[in-house]
Amino acid sequence: MRPQNNLGYLYEMGKGVEKDEARAAALYEQAAFAGDGPAQNNLGQLYRDGRGVAQDLQQAAYWFAVSAANGYTEGIKNYIYALEHGEGVRQDTQQAAYWQSMLHDLEK
């Protein structure tokens, strides 16, 4: 886990610093581009919810997919949801089932 992700969390939650979701998004983005699965998921959540960035379900689904590909379980769960509900991606129950089986294997 990259330190930018941890610092981003502090800014997102306002723990020990003034809450600043835009700053959190920027920090998550740095860590996400460096390959940090948790940061990729966190950035996806901000895009999904429109916190600190303009709401963009396609960007959210993209970051969830990247996080899932990195094996981060929360990213996989969020990507499954996006696939099942067609949020930011074309609804695809077969892909959702694939990721569900990956999640099951990781959680054993």
Protein backbone atom coordinates (compact mmCIF):
# COMPACT_ATOMS: atom_id res chain seq x y z
CA MET A 1 0.00 0.00 0.00
CA ARG A 2 1.36 3.39 -0.98
CA PRO A 3 1.65 6.23 1.54
CA GLN A 4 -0.38 8.48 -0.79
CA ASN A 5 -3.34 6.13 -0.29
CA ASN A 6 -3.04 6.38 3.48
CA LEU A 7 -2.73 10.15 3.37
CA GLY A 8 -5.66 10.32 0.96
CA TYR A 9 -7.77 8.40 3.45
CA LEU A 10 -6.92 10.91 6.18
CA TYR A 11 -8.01 13.80 3.94
CA GLU A 12 -11.15 11.96 2.80
CA MET A 13 -12.22 11.32 6.38
CA GLY A 14 -10.83 14.47 7.98
CA LYS A 15 -8.75 12.50 10.47
CA GLY A 16 -5.97 14.70 11.87
CA VAL A 17 -6.32 17.09 8.93
CA GLU A 18 -9.08 19.27 7.58
CA LYS A 19 -11.42 17.17 5.43
CA ASP A 20 -10.60 17.74 1.76
CA GLU A 21 -12.04 15.20 -0.66
CA ALA A 22 -10.44 16.86 -3.71
CA ARG A 23 -7.03 16.49 -2.08
CA ALA A 24 -7.91 12.89 -1.20
CA ALA A 25 -8.79 12.22 -4.84
CA ALA A 26 -5.47 13.67 -6.02
CA LEU A 27 -3.54 11.53 -3.56
CA TYR A 28 -5.51 8.41 -4.43
CA GLU A 29 -4.86 9.12 -8.10
CA GLN A 30 -1.09 9.27 -7.54
CA ALA A 31 -1.15 5.92 -5.76
CA ALA A 32 -3.63 4.45 -8.27
CA PHE A 33 -1.38 5.24 -11.24
CA ALA A 34 1.50 3.67 -9.30
CA GLY A 35 -0.48 0.40 -9.17
CA ASP A 36 -1.97 0.49 -5.66
CA GLY A 37 -5.15 -1.65 -5.64
CA PRO A 38 -6.72 -0.07 -2.55
CA ALA A 39 -6.12 3.43 -3.94
CA GLN A 40 -7.65 2.41 -7.27
CA ASN A 41 -10.75 1.24 -5.43
CA ASN A 42 -10.87 4.38 -3.26
CA LEU A 43 -10.59 6.60 -6.32
CA GLY A 44 -13.38 4.61 -7.97
CA GLN A 45 -15.60 5.20 -4.95
CA LEU A 46 -15.01 8.95 -5.12
CA TYR A 47 -15.92 8.97 -8.84
CA ARG A 48 -18.98 6.82 -8.17
CA ASP A 49 -20.22 9.12 -5.41
CA GLY A 50 -19.05 12.43 -6.91
CA ARG A 51 -16.97 13.33 -3.86
CA GLY A 52 -13.88 15.44 -4.51
CA VAL A 53 -14.32 14.88 -8.25
CA ALA A 54 -17.20 15.20 -10.69
CA GLN A 55 -19.38 12.10 -10.58
CA ASP A 56 -18.35 9.80 -13.41
CA LEU A 57 -19.62 6.22 -13.35
CA GLN A 58 -17.41 5.20 -16.28
CA GLN A 59 -14.29 6.38 -14.44
CA ALA A 60 -15.55 4.63 -11.31
CA ALA A 61 -16.03 1.34 -13.16
CA TYR A 62 -12.62 1.72 -14.80
CA TRP A 63 -10.85 2.12 -11.46
CA PHE A 64 -12.86 -0.72 -9.91
CA ALA A 65 -11.82 -2.95 -12.83
CA VAL A 66 -8.15 -2.02 -12.43
CA SER A 67 -8.34 -2.61 -8.68
CA ALA A 68 -10.04 -5.96 -9.30
CA ALA A 69 -7.33 -6.94 -11.77
CA ASN A 70 -4.80 -6.23 -9.02
CA GLY A 71 -6.64 -8.71 -6.78
CA TYR A 72 -8.00 -6.20 -4.27
CA THR A 73 -11.17 -7.76 -2.83
CA GLU A 74 -13.09 -4.52 -2.25
CA GLY A 75 -12.31 -3.48 -5.82
CA ILE A 76 -13.61 -6.82 -7.05
CA LYS A 77 -16.83 -6.38 -5.05
CA ASN A 78 -17.38 -2.89 -6.45
CA TYR A 79 -16.63 -4.06 -9.98
CA ILE A 80 -19.08 -6.94 -9.65
CA TYR A 81 -21.75 -4.48 -8.54
CA ALA A 82 -21.01 -2.21 -11.50
CA LEU A 83 -21.21 -5.15 -13.91
CA GLU A 84 -24.42 -6.51 -12.41
CA HIS A 85 -26.15 -3.12 -12.44
CA GLY A 86 -24.63 -1.62 -15.58
CA GLU A 87 -23.13 1.31 -13.65
CA GLY A 88 -20.53 2.89 -15.90
CA VAL A 89 -20.15 -0.29 -17.94
CA ARG A 90 -22.40 -2.44 -20.06
CA GLN A 91 -24.33 -4.83 -17.83
CA ASP A 92 -22.56 -8.18 -18.08
CA THR A 93 -23.68 -10.98 -15.79
CA GLN A 94 -21.12 -13.41 -17.24
CA GLN A 95 -18.24 -11.09 -16.34
CA ALA A 96 -19.81 -10.51 -12.94
CA ALA A 97 -19.93 -14.29 -12.40
CA TYR A 98 -16.28 -14.58 -13.43
CA TRP A 99 -15.26 -11.95 -10.87
CA GLN A 100 -17.51 -13.55 -8.27
CA SER A 101 -15.60 -16.82 -8.70
CA MET A 102 -12.28 -14.91 -8.45
CA LEU A 103 -13.50 -13.30 -5.25
CA HIS A 104 -14.56 -16.66 -3.87
CA ASP A 105 -11.09 -18.07 -4.58
CA LEU A 106 -9.38 -15.11 -2.89
CA GLU A 107 -11.56 -15.32 0.21
CA LYS A 108 -10.88 -19.04 0.84
